[in-house]
Amino acid sequence: MKRLALLGSAALVAAAVTVPASPALAAAPLAGAATCADVDLVFQQKSAFPDTTRGRYDHMMQGSRIEKSVQCLVNAERAARGLQPVKRYIALRGTTVALSSATAKQVAAAVRIRWWGTVAQVGNCTPLKSDPSRCDVHVNPETGTDPGARAKAAGYCKRGTSWAVGENAYLGWGSPSVTPRAAVTWWMGSPPHRATILTPGYTELYTKAAYGSADPSVSATPAVTYVQMFGRCSS
Protein backbone atom coordinates (compact mmCIF):
# COMPACT_ATOMS: atom_id res chain seq x y z
CA MET A 1 0.00 0.00 0.00
CA LYS A 2 1.18 3.52 -0.76
CA ARG A 3 0.42 6.80 0.92
CA LEU A 4 0.35 9.81 -1.44
CA ALA A 5 0.28 13.42 -0.35
CA LEU A 6 0.51 16.58 -2.40
CA LEU A 7 2.99 18.98 -0.84
CA GLY A 8 3.06 22.42 -2.43
CA SER A 9 2.73 23.18 -6.11
CA ALA A 10 4.90 20.44 -7.60
CA ALA A 11 6.09 18.09 -4.88
CA LEU A 12 4.92 14.51 -4.48
CA VAL A 13 5.89 12.09 -1.74
CA ALA A 14 5.21 8.35 -1.62
CA ALA A 15 6.00 6.00 1.27
CA ALA A 16 5.52 2.26 1.60
CA VAL A 17 3.34 1.55 4.63
CA THR A 18 3.68 -1.88 6.22
CA VAL A 19 4.13 -3.57 9.58
CA PRO A 20 7.63 -4.43 10.85
CA ALA A 21 9.53 -7.37 9.46
CA SER A 22 9.41 -10.96 10.59
CA PRO A 23 12.76 -12.70 10.14
CA ALA A 24 10.85 -15.81 9.04
CA LEU A 25 9.79 -14.30 5.69
CA ALA A 26 12.20 -15.17 2.87
CA ALA A 27 12.54 -14.31 -0.82
CA ALA A 28 14.60 -15.50 -3.78
CA PRO A 29 18.42 -15.26 -3.49
CA LEU A 30 19.71 -11.74 -3.99
CA ALA A 31 21.43 -10.81 -7.24
CA GLY A 32 24.37 -9.19 -5.45
CA ALA A 33 24.80 -11.69 -2.62
CA ALA A 34 28.02 -13.13 -4.08
CA THR A 35 29.66 -9.83 -5.05
CA CYS A 36 28.62 -7.22 -2.45
CA ALA A 37 30.80 -6.80 0.64
CA ASP A 38 29.59 -7.24 4.24
CA VAL A 39 26.26 -8.83 3.32
CA ASP A 40 26.44 -11.02 6.45
CA LEU A 41 27.76 -8.35 8.81
CA VAL A 42 26.11 -8.57 12.24
CA PHE A 43 25.76 -5.12 13.80
CA GLN A 44 27.10 -5.24 17.37
CA GLN A 45 26.63 -2.99 20.37
CA LYS A 46 29.45 -0.80 21.66
CA SER A 47 30.37 -3.15 24.51
CA ALA A 48 31.40 -5.82 21.96
CA PHE A 49 34.41 -3.70 20.94
CA PRO A 50 37.55 -2.93 22.94
CA ASP A 51 37.69 0.53 24.50
CA THR A 52 40.56 1.61 22.25
CA THR A 53 40.88 4.06 19.40
CA ARG A 54 40.60 1.20 16.90
CA GLY A 55 37.73 -0.41 18.79
CA ARG A 56 35.72 2.81 18.87
CA TYR A 57 36.45 3.35 15.17
CA ASP A 58 35.34 -0.18 14.25
CA HIS A 59 32.11 0.26 16.22
CA MET A 60 31.39 3.57 14.52
CA MET A 61 32.13 2.22 11.03
CA GLN A 62 29.58 -0.60 11.26
CA GLY A 63 26.82 1.73 10.08
CA SER A 64 28.77 2.86 7.02
CA ARG A 65 29.63 -0.73 6.08
CA ILE A 66 25.98 -1.78 6.39
CA GLU A 67 24.80 1.21 4.38
CA LYS A 68 27.24 0.44 1.56
CA SER A 69 26.29 -3.24 1.59
CA VAL A 70 22.56 -2.50 1.35
CA GLN A 71 23.27 0.01 -1.42
CA CYS A 72 25.18 -2.62 -3.37
CA LEU A 73 22.45 -5.24 -2.92
CA VAL A 74 19.70 -2.82 -3.93
CA ASN A 75 21.59 -1.69 -7.02
CA ALA A 76 22.20 -5.30 -8.04
CA GLU A 77 18.44 -5.91 -7.90
CA ARG A 78 17.80 -2.75 -9.91
CA ALA A 79 20.51 -3.57 -12.47
CA ALA A 80 19.05 -7.04 -12.98
CA ARG A 81 15.86 -5.32 -14.18
CA GLY A 82 17.54 -2.64 -16.29
CA LEU A 83 16.97 0.17 -13.78
CA GLN A 84 19.42 2.96 -13.05
CA PRO A 85 21.45 2.65 -9.84
CA VAL A 86 20.68 4.79 -6.81
CA LYS A 87 23.54 6.87 -5.43
CA ARG A 88 24.77 7.62 -1.93
CA TYR A 89 26.22 11.10 -1.57
CA ILE A 90 28.83 11.99 1.05
CA ALA A 91 28.49 15.26 2.94
CA LEU A 92 31.19 17.87 2.65
CA ARG A 93 32.90 19.07 5.83
CA GLY A 94 30.46 21.02 7.99
CA THR A 95 27.40 20.02 5.93
CA THR A 96 24.85 17.20 5.90
CA VAL A 97 23.06 15.29 3.16
CA ALA A 98 19.35 15.89 3.78
CA LEU A 99 17.97 12.39 3.23
CA SER A 100 20.88 10.80 5.07
CA SER A 101 20.20 13.04 8.06
CA ALA A 102 16.46 12.36 7.99
CA THR A 103 17.04 8.60 7.82
CA ALA A 104 19.56 8.61 10.67
CA LYS A 105 17.21 10.58 12.91
CA GLN A 106 14.31 8.26 12.13
CA VAL A 107 16.15 5.04 13.01
CA ALA A 108 17.56 6.60 16.18
CA ALA A 109 14.04 7.65 17.21
CA ALA A 110 12.68 4.19 16.41
CA VAL A 111 14.98 2.36 18.86
CA ARG A 112 14.56 5.07 21.50
CA ILE A 113 10.74 5.39 21.40
CA ARG A 114 10.03 1.78 20.35
CA TRP A 115 6.66 2.38 18.70
CA TRP A 116 6.81 -0.39 16.08
CA GLY A 117 4.33 -2.54 17.96
CA THR A 118 0.61 -2.71 18.58
CA VAL A 119 -1.55 0.26 19.54
CA ALA A 120 -2.36 -1.55 22.78
CA GLN A 121 1.35 -1.79 23.64
CA VAL A 122 2.43 1.67 22.56
CA GLY A 123 -0.66 3.81 23.07
CA ASN A 124 0.60 7.03 21.51
CA CYS A 125 0.95 6.14 17.84
CA THR A 126 -0.85 6.48 14.51
CA PRO A 127 -2.72 3.24 13.68
CA LEU A 128 -2.17 1.59 10.32
CA LYS A 129 -5.15 2.04 8.02
CA SER A 130 -4.74 -1.54 6.81
CA ASP A 131 -4.50 -2.91 10.37
CA PRO A 132 -5.73 -0.48 13.06
CA SER A 133 -4.39 -2.75 15.81
CA ARG A 134 -0.80 -1.91 14.82
CA CYS A 135 1.13 1.35 14.85
CA ASP A 136 2.26 2.90 11.58
CA VAL A 137 6.06 2.57 11.72
CA HIS A 138 6.48 5.45 9.25
CA VAL A 139 4.79 8.10 11.42
CA ASN A 140 6.93 9.30 14.33
CA PRO A 141 4.59 9.60 17.35
CA GLU A 142 6.64 12.39 18.95
CA THR A 143 6.68 14.68 15.93
CA GLY A 144 3.71 13.36 13.94
CA THR A 145 5.86 13.44 10.81
CA ASP A 146 5.77 11.04 7.87
CA PRO A 147 8.72 10.44 5.47
CA GLY A 148 7.84 13.39 3.25
CA ALA A 149 7.63 15.82 6.13
CA ARG A 150 10.93 14.57 7.54
CA ALA A 151 12.64 14.90 4.16
CA LYS A 152 11.48 18.50 3.73
CA ALA A 153 12.36 19.39 7.33
CA ALA A 154 15.90 18.14 6.64
CA GLY A 155 16.08 20.41 3.59
CA TYR A 156 15.64 17.90 0.80
CA CYS A 157 15.15 19.31 -2.71
CA LYS A 158 14.89 22.93 -1.55
CA ARG A 159 15.31 24.31 -5.05
CA GLY A 160 13.56 21.52 -6.92
CA THR A 161 10.17 21.68 -8.59
CA SER A 162 9.27 18.01 -8.33
CA TRP A 163 10.38 15.46 -5.76
CA ALA A 164 9.49 12.10 -4.28
CA VAL A 165 10.71 9.98 -1.40
CA GLY A 166 10.05 6.40 -0.34
CA GLU A 167 10.84 4.81 3.02
CA ASN A 168 11.30 1.14 3.94
CA ALA A 169 11.70 -0.22 7.47
CA TYR A 170 12.95 -3.54 8.80
CA LEU A 171 13.48 -5.11 12.20
CA GLY A 172 15.47 -8.32 12.59
CA TRP A 173 16.49 -10.32 15.65
CA GLY A 174 18.88 -13.21 16.01
CA SER A 175 22.25 -13.12 14.22
CA PRO A 176 21.12 -14.47 10.81
CA SER A 177 18.25 -11.96 10.63
CA VAL A 178 20.04 -8.68 11.42
CA THR A 179 22.39 -8.59 8.42
CA PRO A 180 22.16 -6.51 5.22
CA ARG A 181 21.39 -9.75 3.35
CA ALA A 182 18.45 -10.46 5.69
CA ALA A 183 17.05 -6.92 5.45
CA VAL A 184 17.16 -6.71 1.65
CA THR A 185 15.91 -10.29 1.28
CA TRP A 186 12.88 -9.44 3.40
CA TRP A 187 12.23 -6.19 1.55
CA MET A 188 12.39 -7.97 -1.82
CA GLY A 189 9.97 -10.59 -0.55
CA SER A 190 7.42 -7.99 0.58
CA PRO A 191 5.47 -6.44 -2.34
CA PRO A 192 5.25 -2.83 -1.00
CA HIS A 193 8.95 -2.74 -0.04
CA ARG A 194 9.99 -4.40 -3.29
CA ALA A 195 8.00 -1.80 -5.24
CA THR A 196 9.85 0.99 -3.42
CA ILE A 197 13.25 -0.57 -4.16
CA LEU A 198 12.37 -1.04 -7.84
CA THR A 199 10.76 2.36 -8.44
CA PRO A 200 12.51 3.55 -11.65
CA GLY A 201 12.64 7.26 -10.86
CA TYR A 202 14.59 7.16 -7.60
CA THR A 203 18.15 8.44 -7.89
CA GLU A 204 19.50 8.27 -4.33
CA LEU A 205 19.30 5.98 -1.30
CA TYR A 206 20.40 6.15 2.33
CA THR A 207 20.13 3.21 4.73
CA LYS A 208 20.74 3.50 8.46
CA ALA A 209 20.88 0.72 11.04
CA ALA A 210 20.75 0.97 14.83
CA TYR A 211 21.40 -1.68 17.44
CA GLY A 212 18.21 -2.47 19.33
CA SER A 213 14.56 -3.26 18.69
CA ALA A 214 11.99 -0.67 17.65
CA ASP A 215 9.22 -3.11 18.66
CA PRO A 216 8.57 -3.36 22.43
CA SER A 217 7.53 -7.00 22.07
CA VAL A 218 10.96 -8.08 20.75
CA SER A 219 13.45 -8.79 23.54
CA ALA A 220 15.76 -11.20 21.68
CA THR A 221 19.36 -10.17 20.98
CA PRO A 222 20.96 -9.15 18.83
CA ALA A 223 18.20 -6.99 17.41
CA VAL A 224 18.84 -4.40 14.70
CA THR A 225 16.45 -1.81 13.29
CA TYR A 226 16.85 -0.58 9.69
CA VAL A 227 15.38 2.44 7.93
CA GLN A 228 16.10 3.28 4.31
CA MET A 229 14.98 6.33 2.35
CA PHE A 230 14.93 6.73 -1.43
CA GLY A 231 14.68 10.08 -3.15
CA ARG A 232 14.22 11.87 -6.44
CA CYS A 233 14.62 15.63 -6.94
CA SER A 234 14.00 17.39 -10.27
CA SER A 235 14.67 21.03 -11.08
C-alpha atoms as a PDB file:
ATOM      1  CA  MET A   1       0.000   0.000   0.000  1.00  0.00           C
ATOM      2  CA  LYS A   2       1.184   3.518  -0.760  1.00  0.00           C
ATOM      3  CA  ARG A   3       0.423   6.803   0.917  1.00  0.00           C
ATOM      4  CA  LEU A   4       0.353   9.808  -1.436  1.00  0.00           C
ATOM      5  CA  ALA A   5       0.280  13.416  -0.345  1.00  0.00           C
ATOM      6  CA  LEU A   6       0.514  16.584  -2.403  1.00  0.00           C
ATOM      7  CA  LEU A   7       2.993  18.975  -0.842  1.00  0.00           C
ATOM      8  CA  GLY A   8       3.061  22.416  -2.427  1.00  0.00           C
ATOM      9  CA  SER A   9       2.732  23.176  -6.110  1.00  0.00           C
ATOM     10  CA  ALA A  10       4.898  20.436  -7.601  1.00  0.00           C
ATOM     11  CA  ALA A  11       6.091  18.086  -4.881  1.00  0.00           C
ATOM     12  CA  LEU A  12       4.924  14.514  -4.483  1.00  0.00           C
ATOM     13  CA  VAL A  13       5.889  12.085  -1.739  1.00  0.00           C
ATOM     14  CA  ALA A  14       5.209   8.348  -1.617  1.00  0.00           C
ATOM     15  CA  ALA A  15       5.996   5.998   1.275  1.00  0.00           C
ATOM     16  CA  ALA A  16       5.519   2.256   1.605  1.00  0.00           C
ATOM     17  CA  VAL A  17       3.342   1.546   4.629  1.00  0.00           C
ATOM     18  CA  THR A  18       3.682  -1.881   6.220  1.00  0.00           C
ATOM     19  CA  VAL A  19       4.125  -3.571   9.577  1.00  0.00           C
ATOM     20  CA  PRO A  20       7.634  -4.431  10.853  1.00  0.00           C
ATOM     21  CA  ALA A  21       9.525  -7.371   9.463  1.00  0.00           C
ATOM     22  CA  SER A  22       9.408 -10.957  10.591  1.00  0.00           C
ATOM     23  CA  PRO A  23      12.759 -12.699  10.142  1.00  0.00           C
ATOM     24  CA  ALA A  24      10.846 -15.809   9.042  1.00  0.00           C
ATOM     25  CA  LEU A  25       9.789 -14.296   5.686  1.00  0.00           C
ATOM     26  CA  ALA A  26      12.198 -15.167   2.865  1.00  0.00           C
ATOM     27  CA  ALA A  27      12.538 -14.307  -0.824  1.00  0.00           C
ATOM     28  CA  ALA A  28      14.603 -15.500  -3.777  1.00  0.00           C
ATOM     29  CA  PRO A  29      18.424 -15.262  -3.489  1.00  0.00           C
ATOM     30  CA  LEU A  30      19.708 -11.744  -3.987  1.00  0.00           C
ATOM     31  CA  ALA A  31      21.427 -10.807  -7.242  1.00  0.00           C
ATOM     32  CA  GLY A  32      24.370  -9.188  -5.453  1.00  0.00           C
ATOM     33  CA  ALA A  33      24.804 -11.688  -2.618  1.00  0.00           C
ATOM     34  CA  ALA A  34      28.024 -13.130  -4.079  1.00  0.00           C
ATOM     35  CA  THR A  35      29.661  -9.831  -5.050  1.00  0.00           C
ATOM     36  CA  CYS A  36      28.616  -7.225  -2.447  1.00  0.00           C
ATOM     37  CA  ALA A  37      30.802  -6.805   0.643  1.00  0.00           C
ATOM     38  CA  ASP A  38      29.593  -7.236   4.241  1.00  0.00           C
ATOM     39  CA  VAL A  39      26.263  -8.832   3.323  1.00  0.00           C
ATOM     40  CA  ASP A  40      26.439 -11.017   6.448  1.00  0.00           C
ATOM     41  CA  LEU A  41      27.755  -8.345   8.809  1.00  0.00           C
ATOM     42  CA  VAL A  42      26.108  -8.575  12.243  1.00  0.00           C
ATOM     43  CA  PHE A  43      25.760  -5.124  13.804  1.00  0.00           C
ATOM     44  CA  GLN A  44      27.103  -5.239  17.371  1.00  0.00           C
ATOM     45  CA  GLN A  45      26.630  -2.993  20.365  1.00  0.00           C
ATOM     46  CA  LYS A  46      29.447  -0.798  21.658  1.00  0.00           C
ATOM     47  CA  SER A  47      30.371  -3.154  24.511  1.00  0.00           C
ATOM     48  CA  ALA A  48      31.401  -5.818  21.960  1.00  0.00           C
ATOM     49  CA  PHE A  49      34.405  -3.699  20.943  1.00  0.00           C
ATOM     50  CA  PRO A  50      37.555  -2.934  22.944  1.00  0.00           C
ATOM     51  CA  ASP A  51      37.693   0.525  24.496  1.00  0.00           C
ATOM     52  CA  THR A  52      40.558   1.608  22.255  1.00  0.00           C
ATOM     53  CA  THR A  53      40.881   4.058  19.397  1.00  0.00           C
ATOM     54  CA  ARG A  54      40.598   1.200  16.905  1.00  0.00           C
ATOM     55  CA  GLY A  55      37.731  -0.410  18.792  1.00  0.00           C
ATOM     56  CA  ARG A  56      35.724   2.813  18.869  1.00  0.00           C
ATOM     57  CA  TYR A  57      36.446   3.347  15.170  1.00  0.00           C
ATOM     58  CA  ASP A  58      35.340  -0.179  14.255  1.00  0.00           C
ATOM     59  CA  HIS A  59      32.111   0.265  16.215  1.00  0.00           C
ATOM     60  CA  MET A  60      31.392   3.571  14.520  1.00  0.00           C
ATOM     61  CA  MET A  61      32.126   2.219  11.026  1.00  0.00           C
ATOM     62  CA  GLN A  62      29.579  -0.598  11.256  1.00  0.00           C
ATOM     63  CA  GLY A  63      26.817   1.730  10.077  1.00  0.00           C
ATOM     64  CA  SER A  64      28.767   2.864   7.021  1.00  0.00           C
ATOM     65  CA  ARG A  65      29.626  -0.732   6.084  1.00  0.00           C
ATOM     66  CA  ILE A  66      25.980  -1.779   6.395  1.00  0.00           C
ATOM     67  CA  GLU A  67      24.799   1.214   4.377  1.00  0.00           C
ATOM     68  CA  LYS A  68      27.240   0.437   1.560  1.00  0.00           C
ATOM     69  CA  SER A  69      26.291  -3.242   1.590  1.00  0.00           C
ATOM     70  CA  VAL A  70      22.560  -2.499   1.346  1.00  0.00           C
ATOM     71  CA  GLN A  71      23.274   0.011  -1.417  1.00  0.00           C
ATOM     72  CA  CYS A  72      25.177  -2.623  -3.371  1.00  0.00           C
ATOM     73  CA  LEU A  73      22.448  -5.244  -2.918  1.00  0.00           C
ATOM     74  CA  VAL A  74      19.695  -2.817  -3.929  1.00  0.00           C
ATOM     75  CA  ASN A  75      21.594  -1.689  -7.022  1.00  0.00           C
ATOM     76  CA  ALA A  76      22.195  -5.299  -8.037  1.00  0.00           C
ATOM     77  CA  GLU A  77      18.437  -5.911  -7.904  1.00  0.00           C
ATOM     78  CA  ARG A  78      17.796  -2.748  -9.914  1.00  0.00           C
ATOM     79  CA  ALA A  79      20.507  -3.570 -12.471  1.00  0.00           C
ATOM     80  CA  ALA A  80      19.047  -7.044 -12.983  1.00  0.00           C
ATOM     81  CA  ARG A  81      15.862  -5.319 -14.180  1.00  0.00           C
ATOM     82  CA  GLY A  82      17.540  -2.643 -16.288  1.00  0.00           C
ATOM     83  CA  LEU A  83      16.968   0.171 -13.781  1.00  0.00           C
ATOM     84  CA  GLN A  84      19.419   2.961 -13.054  1.00  0.00           C
ATOM     85  CA  PRO A  85      21.453   2.648  -9.836  1.00  0.00           C
ATOM     86  CA  VAL A  86      20.681   4.787  -6.809  1.00  0.00           C
ATOM     87  CA  LYS A  87      23.542   6.868  -5.427  1.00  0.00           C
ATOM     88  CA  ARG A  88      24.774   7.616  -1.928  1.00  0.00           C
ATOM     89  CA  TYR A  89      26.223  11.097  -1.567  1.00  0.00           C
ATOM     90  CA  ILE A  90      28.826  11.985   1.050  1.00  0.00           C
ATOM     91  CA  ALA A  91      28.489  15.264   2.940  1.00  0.00           C
ATOM     92  CA  LEU A  92      31.193  17.870   2.651  1.00  0.00           C
ATOM     93  CA  ARG A  93      32.899  19.065   5.830  1.00  0.00           C
ATOM     94  CA  GLY A  94      30.464  21.020   7.993  1.00  0.00           C
ATOM     95  CA  THR A  95      27.404  20.024   5.933  1.00  0.00           C
ATOM     96  CA  THR A  96      24.851  17.204   5.898  1.00  0.00           C
ATOM     97  CA  VAL A  97      23.060  15.293   3.156  1.00  0.00           C
ATOM     98  CA  ALA A  98      19.354  15.890   3.777  1.00  0.00           C
ATOM     99  CA  LEU A  99      17.965  12.388   3.226  1.00  0.00           C
ATOM    100  CA  SER A 100      20.882  10.799   5.071  1.00  0.00           C
ATOM    101  CA  SER A 101      20.203  13.042   8.060  1.00  0.00           C
ATOM    102  CA  ALA A 102      16.460  12.360   7.985  1.00  0.00           C
ATOM    103  CA  THR A 103      17.044   8.600   7.816  1.00  0.00           C
ATOM    104  CA  ALA A 104      19.557   8.608  10.672  1.00  0.00           C
ATOM    105  CA  LYS A 105      17.214  10.584  12.914  1.00  0.00           C
ATOM    106  CA  GLN A 106      14.311   8.261  12.130  1.00  0.00           C
ATOM    107  CA  VAL A 107      16.155   5.042  13.005  1.00  0.00           C
ATOM    108  CA  ALA A 108      17.557   6.597  16.181  1.00  0.00           C
ATOM    109  CA  ALA A 109      14.042   7.649  17.210  1.00  0.00           C
ATOM    110  CA  ALA A 110      12.682   4.189  16.408  1.00  0.00           C
ATOM    111  CA  VAL A 111      14.977   2.362  18.857  1.00  0.00           C
ATOM    112  CA  ARG A 112      14.559   5.072  21.496  1.00  0.00           C
ATOM    113  CA  ILE A 113      10.736   5.391  21.402  1.00  0.00           C
ATOM    114  CA  ARG A 114      10.033   1.778  20.346  1.00  0.00           C
ATOM    115  CA  TRP A 115       6.660   2.380  18.702  1.00  0.00           C
ATOM    116  CA  TRP A 116       6.809  -0.394  16.077  1.00  0.00           C
ATOM    117  CA  GLY A 117       4.327  -2.536  17.964  1.00  0.00           C
ATOM    118  CA  THR A 118       0.613  -2.706  18.580  1.00  0.00           C
ATOM    119  CA  VAL A 119      -1.546   0.255  19.535  1.00  0.00           C
ATOM    120  CA  ALA A 120      -2.359  -1.554  22.781  1.00  0.00           C
ATOM    121  CA  GLN A 121       1.345  -1.789  23.637  1.00  0.00           C
ATOM    122  CA  VAL A 122       2.429   1.669  22.560  1.00  0.00           C
ATOM    123  CA  GLY A 123      -0.660   3.805  23.069  1.00  0.00           C
ATOM    124  CA  ASN A 124       0.600   7.026  21.513  1.00  0.00           C
ATOM    125  CA  CYS A 125       0.950   6.138  17.839  1.00  0.00           C
ATOM    126  CA  THR A 126      -0.847   6.483  14.513  1.00  0.00           C
ATOM    127  CA  PRO A 127      -2.718   3.238  13.683  1.00  0.00           C
ATOM    128  CA  LEU A 128      -2.169   1.594  10.325  1.00  0.00           C
ATOM    129  CA  LYS A 129      -5.145   2.037   8.021  1.00  0.00           C
ATOM    130  CA  SER A 130      -4.743  -1.538   6.811  1.00  0.00           C
ATOM    131  CA  ASP A 131      -4.500  -2.911  10.369  1.00  0.00           C
ATOM    132  CA  PRO A 132      -5.730  -0.481  13.061  1.00  0.00           C
ATOM    133  CA  SER A 133      -4.386  -2.745  15.809  1.00  0.00           C
ATOM    134  CA  ARG A 134      -0.798  -1.909  14.815  1.00  0.00           C
ATOM    135  CA  CYS A 135       1.131   1.349  14.851  1.00  0.00           C
ATOM    136  CA  ASP A 136       2.262   2.905  11.584  1.00  0.00           C
ATOM    137  CA  VAL A 137       6.057   2.575  11.719  1.00  0.00           C
ATOM    138  CA  HIS A 138       6.476   5.449   9.253  1.00  0.00           C
ATOM    139  CA  VAL A 139       4.788   8.098  11.416  1.00  0.00           C
ATOM    140  CA  ASN A 140       6.933   9.297  14.328  1.00  0.00           C
ATOM    141  CA  PRO A 141       4.592   9.605  17.348  1.00  0.00           C
ATOM    142  CA  GLU A 142       6.636  12.388  18.954  1.00  0.00           C
ATOM    143  CA  THR A 143       6.678  14.681  15.930  1.00  0.00           C
ATOM    144  CA  GLY A 144       3.709  13.359  13.944  1.00  0.00           C
ATOM    145  CA  THR A 145       5.860  13.442  10.809  1.00  0.00           C
ATOM    146  CA  ASP A 146       5.769  11.036   7.867  1.00  0.00           C
ATOM    147  CA  PRO A 147       8.718  10.438   5.471  1.00  0.00           C
ATOM    148  CA  GLY A 148       7.838  13.385   3.245  1.00  0.00           C
ATOM    149  CA  ALA A 149       7.634  15.821   6.130  1.00  0.00           C
ATOM    150  CA  ARG A 150      10.928  14.565   7.542  1.00  0.00           C
ATOM    151  CA  ALA A 151      12.644  14.902   4.160  1.00  0.00           C
ATOM    152  CA  LYS A 152      11.479  18.495   3.732  1.00  0.00           C
ATOM    153  CA  ALA A 153      12.362  19.385   7.332  1.00  0.00           C
ATOM    154  CA  ALA A 154      15.898  18.136   6.644  1.00  0.00           C
ATOM    155  CA  GLY A 155      16.083  20.414   3.590  1.00  0.00           C
ATOM    156  CA  TYR A 156      15.641  17.898   0.803  1.00  0.00           C
ATOM    157  CA  CYS A 157      15.147  19.310  -2.706  1.00  0.00           C
ATOM    158  CA  LYS A 158      14.886  22.926  -1.550  1.00  0.00           C
ATOM    159  CA  ARG A 159      15.311  24.309  -5.048  1.00  0.00           C
ATOM    160  CA  GLY A 160      13.562  21.520  -6.919  1.00  0.00           C
ATOM    161  CA  THR A 161      10.170  21.684  -8.590  1.00  0.00           C
ATOM    162  CA  SER A 162       9.275  18.006  -8.327  1.00  0.00           C
ATOM    163  CA  TRP A 163      10.378  15.459  -5.758  1.00  0.00           C
ATOM    164  CA  ALA A 164       9.490  12.104  -4.282  1.00  0.00           C
ATOM    165  CA  VAL A 165      10.706   9.980  -1.403  1.00  0.00           C
ATOM    166  CA  GLY A 166      10.051   6.398  -0.336  1.00  0.00           C
ATOM    167  CA  GLU A 167      10.837   4.806   3.017  1.00  0.00           C
ATOM    168  CA  ASN A 168      11.298   1.137   3.938  1.00  0.00           C
ATOM    169  CA  ALA A 169      11.696  -0.220   7.467  1.00  0.00           C
ATOM    170  CA  TYR A 170      12.954  -3.543   8.797  1.00  0.00           C
ATOM    171  CA  LEU A 171      13.485  -5.107  12.202  1.00  0.00           C
ATOM    172  CA  GLY A 172      15.472  -8.321  12.590  1.00  0.00           C
ATOM    173  CA  TRP A 173      16.489 -10.315  15.648  1.00  0.00           C
ATOM    174  CA  GLY A 174      18.883 -13.212  16.011  1.00  0.00           C
ATOM    175  CA  SER A 175      22.249 -13.123  14.215  1.00  0.00           C
ATOM    176  CA  PRO A 176      21.121 -14.472  10.809  1.00  0.00           C
ATOM    177  CA  SER A 177      18.249 -11.962  10.627  1.00  0.00           C
ATOM    178  CA  VAL A 178      20.036  -8.681  11.418  1.00  0.00           C
ATOM    179  CA  THR A 179      22.386  -8.588   8.421  1.00  0.00           C
ATOM    180  CA  PRO A 180      22.156  -6.512   5.224  1.00  0.00           C
ATOM    181  CA  ARG A 181      21.387  -9.747   3.355  1.00  0.00           C
ATOM    182  CA  ALA A 182      18.449 -10.456   5.694  1.00  0.00           C
ATOM    183  CA  ALA A 183      17.048  -6.919   5.449  1.00  0.00           C
ATOM    184  CA  VAL A 184      17.159  -6.708   1.647  1.00  0.00           C
ATOM    185  CA  THR A 185      15.911 -10.287   1.276  1.00  0.00           C
ATOM    186  CA  TRP A 186      12.882  -9.437   3.403  1.00  0.00           C
ATOM    187  CA  TRP A 187      12.225  -6.186   1.545  1.00  0.00           C
ATOM    188  CA  MET A 188      12.395  -7.969  -1.819  1.00  0.00           C
ATOM    189  CA  GLY A 189       9.967 -10.591  -0.546  1.00  0.00           C
ATOM    190  CA  SER A 190       7.418  -7.993   0.580  1.00  0.00           C
ATOM    191  CA  PRO A 191       5.473  -6.441  -2.344  1.00  0.00           C
ATOM    192  CA  PRO A 192       5.250  -2.831  -0.996  1.00  0.00           C
ATOM    193  CA  HIS A 193       8.946  -2.737  -0.038  1.00  0.00           C
ATOM    194  CA  ARG A 194       9.991  -4.401  -3.286  1.00  0.00           C
ATOM    195  CA  ALA A 195       8.002  -1.805  -5.242  1.00  0.00           C
ATOM    196  CA  THR A 196       9.846   0.987  -3.424  1.00  0.00           C
ATOM    197  CA  ILE A 197      13.248  -0.567  -4.157  1.00  0.00           C
ATOM    198  CA  LEU A 198      12.369  -1.041  -7.836  1.00  0.00           C
ATOM    199  CA  THR A 199      10.765   2.360  -8.443  1.00  0.00           C
ATOM    200  CA  PRO A 200      12.514   3.548 -11.646  1.00  0.00           C
ATOM    201  CA  GLY A 201      12.641   7.258 -10.862  1.00  0.00           C
ATOM    202  CA  TYR A 202      14.592   7.157  -7.605  1.00  0.00           C
ATOM    203  CA  THR A 203      18.151   8.437  -7.890  1.00  0.00           C
ATOM    204  CA  GLU A 204      19.505   8.274  -4.325  1.00  0.00           C
ATOM    205  CA  LEU A 205      19.304   5.985  -1.300  1.00  0.00           C
ATOM    206  CA  TYR A 206      20.399   6.146   2.328  1.00  0.00           C
ATOM    207  CA  THR A 207      20.127   3.210   4.731  1.00  0.00           C
ATOM    208  CA  LYS A 208      20.740   3.501   8.462  1.00  0.00           C
ATOM    209  CA  ALA A 209      20.878   0.722  11.035  1.00  0.00           C
ATOM    210  CA  ALA A 210      20.748   0.969  14.825  1.00  0.00           C
ATOM    211  CA  TYR A 211      21.398  -1.677  17.440  1.00  0.00           C
ATOM    212  CA  GLY A 212      18.207  -2.470  19.334  1.00  0.00           C
ATOM    213  CA  SER A 213      14.564  -3.264  18.690  1.00  0.00           C
ATOM    214  CA  ALA A 214      11.985  -0.673  17.654  1.00  0.00           C
ATOM    215  CA  ASP A 215       9.218  -3.114  18.663  1.00  0.00           C
ATOM    216  CA  PRO A 216       8.567  -3.361  22.431  1.00  0.00           C
ATOM    217  CA  SER A 217       7.532  -7.003  22.072  1.00  0.00           C
ATOM    218  CA  VAL A 218      10.959  -8.076  20.753  1.00  0.00           C
ATOM    219  CA  SER A 219      13.450  -8.787  23.538  1.00  0.00           C
ATOM    220  CA  ALA A 220      15.758 -11.201  21.684  1.00  0.00           C
ATOM    221  CA  THR A 221      19.356 -10.168  20.982  1.00  0.00           C
ATOM    222  CA  PRO A 222      20.963  -9.152  18.830  1.00  0.00           C
ATOM    223  CA  ALA A 223      18.200  -6.987  17.409  1.00  0.00           C
ATOM    224  CA  VAL A 224      18.844  -4.403  14.702  1.00  0.00           C
ATOM    225  CA  THR A 225      16.453  -1.813  13.288  1.00  0.00           C
ATOM    226  CA  TYR A 226      16.850  -0.579   9.690  1.00  0.00           C
ATOM    227  CA  VAL A 227      15.377   2.442   7.931  1.00  0.00           C
ATOM    228  CA  GLN A 228      16.096   3.282   4.305  1.00  0.00           C
ATOM    229  CA  MET A 229      14.977   6.326   2.354  1.00  0.00           C
ATOM    230  CA  PHE A 230      14.927   6.727  -1.430  1.00  0.00           C
ATOM    231  CA  GLY A 231      14.678  10.079  -3.147  1.00  0.00           C
ATOM    232  CA  ARG A 232      14.222  11.873  -6.435  1.00  0.00           C
ATOM    233  CA  CYS A 233      14.617  15.626  -6.943  1.00  0.00           C
ATOM    234  CA  SER A 234      13.995  17.390 -10.270  1.00  0.00           C
ATOM    235  CA  SER A 235      14.665  21.031 -11.083  1.00  0.00           C
END
